[in-house]
PDB file of N, CA and C in Angstrom:
ATOM      1  N   MET A   1      -3.459  93.656  15.791  1.00  0.00           N
ATOM      2  CA  MET A   1      -2.202  93.915  16.457  1.00  0.00           C
ATOM      3  C   MET A   1      -2.278  95.257  17.171  1.00  0.00           C
ATOM      4  N   PRO A   2      -2.043  95.282  18.445  1.00  0.00           N
ATOM      5  CA  PRO A   2      -2.077  96.544  19.169  1.00  0.00           C
ATOM      6  C   PRO A   2      -1.025  97.513  18.641  1.00  0.00           C
ATOM      7  N   GLY A   3      -1.406  98.778  18.562  1.00  0.00           N
ATOM      8  CA  GLY A   3      -0.468  99.803  18.143  1.00  0.00           C
ATOM      9  C   GLY A   3      -0.420 100.040  16.645  1.00  0.00           C
ATOM     10  N   ASN A   4      -0.996  99.146  15.837  1.00  0.00           N
ATOM     11  CA  ASN A   4      -1.006  99.341  14.389  1.00  0.00           C
ATOM     12  C   ASN A   4      -2.226 100.148  13.989  1.00  0.00           C
ATOM     13  N   SER A   5      -2.037 101.057  13.058  1.00  0.00           N
ATOM     14  CA  SER A   5      -3.165 101.832  12.571  1.00  0.00           C
ATOM     15  C   SER A   5      -3.926 101.024  11.530  1.00  0.00           C
ATOM     16  N   LEU A   6      -5.162 101.401  11.318  1.00  0.00           N
ATOM     17  CA  LEU A   6      -5.977 100.728  10.310  1.00  0.00           C
ATOM     18  C   LEU A   6      -5.351 100.887   8.930  1.00  0.00           C
ATOM     19  N   GLY A   7      -4.755 102.050   8.667  1.00  0.00           N
ATOM     20  CA  GLY A   7      -4.093 102.276   7.381  1.00  0.00           C
ATOM     21  C   GLY A   7      -2.950 101.304   7.155  1.00  0.00           C
ATOM     22  N   ALA A   8      -2.180 101.040   8.195  1.00  0.00           N
ATOM     23  CA  ALA A   8      -1.059 100.102   8.079  1.00  0.00           C
ATOM     24  C   ALA A   8      -1.572  98.691   7.807  1.00  0.00           C
ATOM     25  N   GLU A   9      -2.670  98.322   8.452  1.00  0.00           N
ATOM     26  CA  GLU A   9      -3.253  96.998   8.219  1.00  0.00           C
ATOM     27  C   GLU A   9      -3.742  96.881   6.779  1.00  0.00           C
ATOM     28  N   PHE A  10      -4.361  97.948   6.282  1.00  0.00           N
ATOM     29  CA  PHE A  10      -4.833  97.936   4.898  1.00  0.00           C
ATOM     30  C   PHE A  10      -3.663  97.818   3.933  1.00  0.00           C
ATOM     31  N   GLU A  11      -2.610  98.546   4.183  1.00  0.00           N
ATOM     32  CA  GLU A  11      -1.431  98.492   3.310  1.00  0.00           C
ATOM     33  C   GLU A  11      -0.848  97.082   3.256  1.00  0.00           C
ATOM     34  N   ARG A  12      -0.884  96.363   4.358  1.00  0.00           N
ATOM     35  CA  ARG A  12      -0.380  94.979   4.367  1.00  0.00           C
ATOM     36  C   ARG A  12      -1.345  94.033   3.672  1.00  0.00           C
ATOM     37  N   ALA A  13      -2.647  94.288   3.810  1.00  0.00           N
ATOM     38  CA  ALA A  13      -3.652  93.378   3.259  1.00  0.00           C
ATOM     39  C   ALA A  13      -3.876  93.574   1.762  1.00  0.00           C
ATOM     40  N   ALA A  14      -3.714  94.791   1.267  1.00  0.00           N
ATOM     41  CA  ALA A  14      -4.043  95.095  -0.133  1.00  0.00           C
ATOM     42  C   ALA A  14      -3.333  94.188  -1.137  1.00  0.00           C
ATOM     43  N   PRO A  15      -2.021  93.968  -1.043  1.00  0.00           N
ATOM     44  CA  PRO A  15      -1.376  93.087  -2.027  1.00  0.00           C
ATOM     45  C   PRO A  15      -1.859  91.639  -1.927  1.00  0.00           C
ATOM     46  N   LEU A  16      -2.186  91.193  -0.736  1.00  0.00           N
ATOM     47  CA  LEU A  16      -2.691  89.825  -0.569  1.00  0.00           C
ATOM     48  C   LEU A  16      -4.060  89.679  -1.216  1.00  0.00           C
ATOM     49  N   LEU A  17      -4.927  90.665  -1.002  1.00  0.00           N
ATOM     50  CA  LEU A  17      -6.256  90.631  -1.611  1.00  0.00           C
ATOM     51  C   LEU A  17      -6.163  90.737  -3.127  1.00  0.00           C
ATOM     52  N   SER A  18      -5.265  91.570  -3.600  1.00  0.00           N
ATOM     53  CA  SER A  18      -5.078  91.736  -5.039  1.00  0.00           C
ATOM     54  C   SER A  18      -4.642  90.427  -5.689  1.00  0.00           C
ATOM     55  N   ALA A  19      -3.699  89.743  -5.084  1.00  0.00           N
ATOM     56  CA  ALA A  19      -3.213  88.472  -5.624  1.00  0.00           C
ATOM     57  C   ALA A  19      -4.321  87.425  -5.628  1.00  0.00           C
ATOM     58  N   ALA A  20      -5.097  87.365  -4.562  1.00  0.00           N
ATOM     59  CA  ALA A  20      -6.186  86.390  -4.486  1.00  0.00           C
ATOM     60  C   ALA A  20      -7.261  86.704  -5.523  1.00  0.00           C
ATOM     61  N   ALA A  21      -7.613  87.975  -5.673  1.00  0.00           N
ATOM     62  CA  ALA A  21      -8.648  88.367  -6.633  1.00  0.00           C
ATOM     63  C   ALA A  21      -8.198  88.123  -8.066  1.00  0.00           C
ATOM     64  N   ALA A  22      -6.917  88.246  -8.340  1.00  0.00           N
ATOM     65  CA  ALA A  22      -6.400  88.041  -9.696  1.00  0.00           C
ATOM     66  C   ALA A  22      -6.586  86.601 -10.159  1.00  0.00           C
ATOM     67  N   GLU A  23      -6.741  85.677  -9.231  1.00  0.00           N
ATOM     68  CA  GLU A  23      -6.910  84.267  -9.578  1.00  0.00           C
ATOM     69  C   GLU A  23      -8.362  83.887  -9.826  1.00  0.00           C
ATOM     70  N   LEU A  24      -9.290  84.801  -9.573  1.00  0.00           N
ATOM     71  CA  LEU A  24     -10.712  84.508  -9.729  1.00  0.00           C
ATOM     72  C   LEU A  24     -11.225  84.975 -11.080  1.00  0.00           C
ATOM     73  N   ALA A  25     -12.125  84.188 -11.647  1.00  0.00           N
ATOM     74  CA  ALA A  25     -12.793  84.604 -12.880  1.00  0.00           C
ATOM     75  C   ALA A  25     -13.883  85.620 -12.526  1.00  0.00           C
ATOM     76  N   PRO A  26     -14.191  86.537 -13.437  1.00  0.00           N
ATOM     77  CA  PRO A  26     -15.284  87.486 -13.187  1.00  0.00           C
ATOM     78  C   PRO A  26     -16.587  86.733 -12.951  1.00  0.00           C
ATOM     79  N   PHE A  27     -17.456  87.294 -12.129  1.00  0.00           N
ATOM     80  CA  PHE A  27     -18.738  86.668 -11.847  1.00  0.00           C
ATOM     81  C   PHE A  27     -19.790  87.747 -11.636  1.00  0.00           C
ATOM     82  N   THR A  28     -21.033  87.351 -11.809  1.00  0.00           N
ATOM     83  CA  THR A  28     -22.158  88.253 -11.605  1.00  0.00           C
ATOM     84  C   THR A  28     -22.637  88.112 -10.172  1.00  0.00           C
ATOM     85  N   ALA A  29     -22.883  89.226  -9.538  1.00  0.00           N
ATOM     86  CA  ALA A  29     -23.406  89.218  -8.173  1.00  0.00           C
ATOM     87  C   ALA A  29     -24.716  89.990  -8.150  1.00  0.00           C
ATOM     88  N   ARG A  30     -25.691  89.456  -7.460  1.00  0.00           N
ATOM     89  CA  ARG A  30     -26.973  90.134  -7.312  1.00  0.00           C
ATOM     90  C   ARG A  30     -27.088  90.600  -5.868  1.00  0.00           C
ATOM     91  N   LEU A  31     -27.238  91.890  -5.696  1.00  0.00           N
ATOM     92  CA  LEU A  31     -27.354  92.459  -4.362  1.00  0.00           C
ATOM     93  C   LEU A  31     -28.828  92.635  -4.026  1.00  0.00           C
ATOM     94  N   ALA A  32     -29.295  91.920  -3.013  1.00  0.00           N
ATOM     95  CA  ALA A  32     -30.688  92.021  -2.588  1.00  0.00           C
ATOM     96  C   ALA A  32     -30.757  92.803  -1.282  1.00  0.00           C
ATOM     97  N   GLY A  33     -31.739  93.655  -1.174  1.00  0.00           N
ATOM     98  CA  GLY A  33     -31.924  94.421   0.048  1.00  0.00           C
ATOM     99  C   GLY A  33     -30.936  95.559   0.214  1.00  0.00           C
ATOM    100  N   VAL A  34     -30.318  95.985  -0.883  1.00  0.00           N
ATOM    101  CA  VAL A  34     -29.347  97.077  -0.828  1.00  0.00           C
ATOM    102  C   VAL A  34     -30.067  98.371  -1.172  1.00  0.00           C
ATOM    103  N   HIS A  35     -29.821  99.391  -0.398  1.00  0.00           N
ATOM    104  CA  HIS A  35     -30.452 100.686  -0.623  1.00  0.00           C
ATOM    105  C   HIS A  35     -29.414 101.686  -1.102  1.00  0.00           C
ATOM    106  N   THR A  36     -29.850 102.638  -1.896  1.00  0.00           N
ATOM    107  CA  THR A  36     -28.957 103.693  -2.363  1.00  0.00           C
ATOM    108  C   THR A  36     -29.416 105.035  -1.821  1.00  0.00           C
ATOM    109  N   PHE A  37     -28.479 105.926  -1.660  1.00  0.00           N
ATOM    110  CA  PHE A  37     -28.751 107.272  -1.198  1.00  0.00           C
ATOM    111  C   PHE A  37     -28.121 108.226  -2.205  1.00  0.00           C
ATOM    112  N   GLY A  38     -28.958 108.884  -2.994  1.00  0.00           N
ATOM    113  CA  GLY A  38     -28.450 109.778  -4.025  1.00  0.00           C
ATOM    114  C   GLY A  38     -27.890 111.065  -3.453  1.00  0.00           C
ATOM    115  N   HIS A  39     -26.823 111.524  -4.060  1.00  0.00           N
ATOM    116  CA  HIS A  39     -26.203 112.802  -3.731  1.00  0.00           C
ATOM    117  C   HIS A  39     -26.262 113.669  -4.978  1.00  0.00           C
ATOM    118  N   ARG A  40     -25.682 114.819  -4.931  1.00  0.00           N
ATOM    119  CA  ARG A  40     -25.717 115.720  -6.092  1.00  0.00           C
ATOM    120  C   ARG A  40     -25.128 115.079  -7.340  1.00  0.00           C
ATOM    121  N   GLU A  41     -23.938 114.527  -7.228  1.00  0.00           N
ATOM    122  CA  GLU A  41     -23.255 114.004  -8.410  1.00  0.00           C
ATOM    123  C   GLU A  41     -22.980 112.507  -8.361  1.00  0.00           C
ATOM    124  N   ASP A  42     -23.312 111.848  -7.251  1.00  0.00           N
ATOM    125  CA  ASP A  42     -23.043 110.422  -7.153  1.00  0.00           C
ATOM    126  C   ASP A  42     -24.025 109.790  -6.176  1.00  0.00           C
ATOM    127  N   ALA A  43     -23.731 108.594  -5.740  1.00  0.00           N
ATOM    128  CA  ALA A  43     -24.615 107.891  -4.817  1.00  0.00           C
ATOM    129  C   ALA A  43     -23.801 107.022  -3.878  1.00  0.00           C
ATOM    130  N   THR A  44     -24.392 106.732  -2.733  1.00  0.00           N
ATOM    131  CA  THR A  44     -23.802 105.828  -1.755  1.00  0.00           C
ATOM    132  C   THR A  44     -24.647 104.566  -1.722  1.00  0.00           C
ATOM    133  N   VAL A  45     -24.008 103.402  -1.736  1.00  0.00           N
ATOM    134  CA  VAL A  45     -24.725 102.126  -1.685  1.00  0.00           C
ATOM    135  C   VAL A  45     -24.605 101.581  -0.290  1.00  0.00           C
TER     136      VAL A  45
END
């Protein structure tokens, strides 16, 4: 939507995503080809 900020879009989407995720059972995911970049106290994936 023109004129809407990304933050506003996220605020509208967050409750919808939360409701959808609440209906899913936990599952295991395997990430292949993912690299990490270590920092002083944490890391970026």
